[in-house]
């Protein structure tokens, strides 16, 4: 009976060590997944920063375009006013 008990004990130890090895493998897998998640999170953060930087560039470009269009509108209005003034002066000279 002592030998059988010893064999059972060795078997139990082997199962226990196998369970520990499995747990260590699962822990290693979990660490790997977490590291990949961290890398993905860092990559997403960098991508977000790039999008924000591009948004700032696009916003500046839009402001510049709007400013240019406003300047063009002002110039056109001044030209129209000058044309009306010139037409009025010519009409007065004709009389």
Protein backbone atom coordinates (compact mmCIF):
# COMPACT_ATOMS: atom_id res chain seq x y z
CA UNK A 1 0.00 0.00 0.00
CA UNK A 2 2.92 2.34 0.66
CA UNK A 3 4.14 2.05 -2.95
CA UNK A 4 0.65 2.70 -4.31
CA UNK A 5 0.27 5.71 -2.05
CA UNK A 6 3.65 6.96 -3.17
CA UNK A 7 2.64 6.55 -6.84
CA UNK A 8 -0.61 8.41 -6.21
CA UNK A 9 1.34 11.17 -4.47
CA UNK A 10 3.80 11.42 -7.38
CA UNK A 11 0.87 11.47 -9.81
CA UNK A 12 -0.83 14.21 -7.80
CA UNK A 13 2.40 16.21 -7.77
CA UNK A 14 2.72 15.77 -11.55
CA UNK A 15 -0.86 16.96 -12.07
CA UNK A 16 -0.22 19.89 -9.75
CA UNK A 17 2.98 20.84 -11.60
CA UNK A 18 1.15 20.43 -14.90
CA UNK A 19 -1.55 22.77 -13.63
CA UNK A 20 1.08 25.28 -12.54
CA UNK A 21 2.77 25.06 -15.93
CA UNK A 22 -0.60 25.59 -17.62
CA UNK A 23 -1.30 28.56 -15.37
CA UNK A 24 2.12 30.02 -16.21
CA UNK A 25 1.42 29.55 -19.92
CA UNK A 26 -1.96 31.27 -19.53
CA UNK A 27 -0.29 34.09 -17.60
CA UNK A 28 2.32 34.46 -20.35
CA UNK A 29 -0.44 34.52 -22.98
CA UNK A 30 -2.31 37.15 -20.98
CA UNK A 31 0.84 39.29 -20.66
CA UNK A 32 1.39 38.97 -24.41
CA UNK A 33 -2.20 40.05 -25.11
CA UNK A 34 -1.84 42.99 -22.72
CA UNK A 35 1.41 44.03 -24.39
CA UNK A 36 -0.25 43.84 -27.81
CA UNK A 37 -3.15 45.87 -26.46
CA UNK A 38 -0.69 48.44 -25.13
CA UNK A 39 1.01 48.63 -28.51
CA UNK A 40 -2.37 48.98 -30.20
CA UNK A 41 -3.37 51.64 -27.70
CA UNK A 42 -0.11 53.52 -28.31
CA UNK A 43 -0.62 53.22 -32.06
CA UNK A 44 -4.17 54.56 -31.75
CA UNK A 45 -2.91 57.43 -29.61
CA UNK A 46 -0.30 58.30 -32.25
CA UNK A 47 -2.92 58.09 -34.98
CA UNK A 48 -5.23 60.36 -32.99
CA UNK A 49 -2.39 62.87 -32.58
CA UNK A 50 -1.74 62.76 -36.33
CA UNK A 51 -5.45 63.34 -37.03
CA UNK A 52 -5.47 66.28 -34.61
CA UNK A 53 -2.36 67.75 -36.22
CA UNK A 54 -3.92 67.38 -39.67
CA UNK A 55 -7.15 68.95 -38.38
CA UNK A 56 -5.15 71.98 -37.20
CA UNK A 57 -3.49 72.25 -40.62
CA UNK A 58 -6.87 71.95 -42.36
CA UNK A 59 -8.41 74.54 -40.03
CA UNK A 60 -5.60 77.01 -40.77
CA UNK A 61 -6.01 76.38 -44.49
CA UNK A 62 -9.78 76.93 -44.25
CA UNK A 63 -9.25 80.18 -42.32
CA UNK A 64 -6.74 81.36 -44.91
CA UNK A 65 -9.17 80.50 -47.72
CA UNK A 66 -12.02 82.30 -45.95
CA UNK A 67 -9.82 85.34 -45.38
CA UNK A 68 -8.80 85.38 -49.04
CA UNK A 69 -12.43 85.09 -50.16
CA UNK A 70 -13.43 87.93 -47.82
CA UNK A 71 -10.62 90.05 -49.23
CA UNK A 72 -11.72 89.24 -52.78
CA UNK A 73 -15.31 90.17 -51.92
CA UNK A 74 -14.15 93.50 -50.46
CA UNK A 75 -12.08 94.18 -53.57
CA UNK A 76 -15.03 93.40 -55.87
CA UNK A 77 -17.34 95.65 -53.83
CA UNK A 78 -14.78 98.48 -54.03
CA UNK A 79 -14.47 98.00 -57.80
CA UNK A 80 -18.27 98.09 -58.18
CA UNK A 81 -18.47 101.25 -56.07
CA UNK A 82 -15.70 102.84 -58.15
CA UNK A 83 -17.48 101.84 -61.37
CA UNK A 84 -20.74 103.40 -60.13
CA UNK A 85 -18.91 106.57 -59.09
CA UNK A 86 -17.17 106.72 -62.47
CA UNK A 87 -20.48 106.19 -64.29
CA UNK A 88 -22.08 108.98 -62.24
CA UNK A 89 -19.18 111.37 -62.96
CA UNK A 90 -19.34 110.57 -66.70
CA UNK A 91 -23.10 111.10 -66.67
CA UNK A 92 -22.69 114.47 -64.94
CA UNK A 93 -20.03 115.50 -67.46
CA UNK A 94 -22.31 114.60 -70.33
CA UNK A 95 -24.98 116.99 -69.13
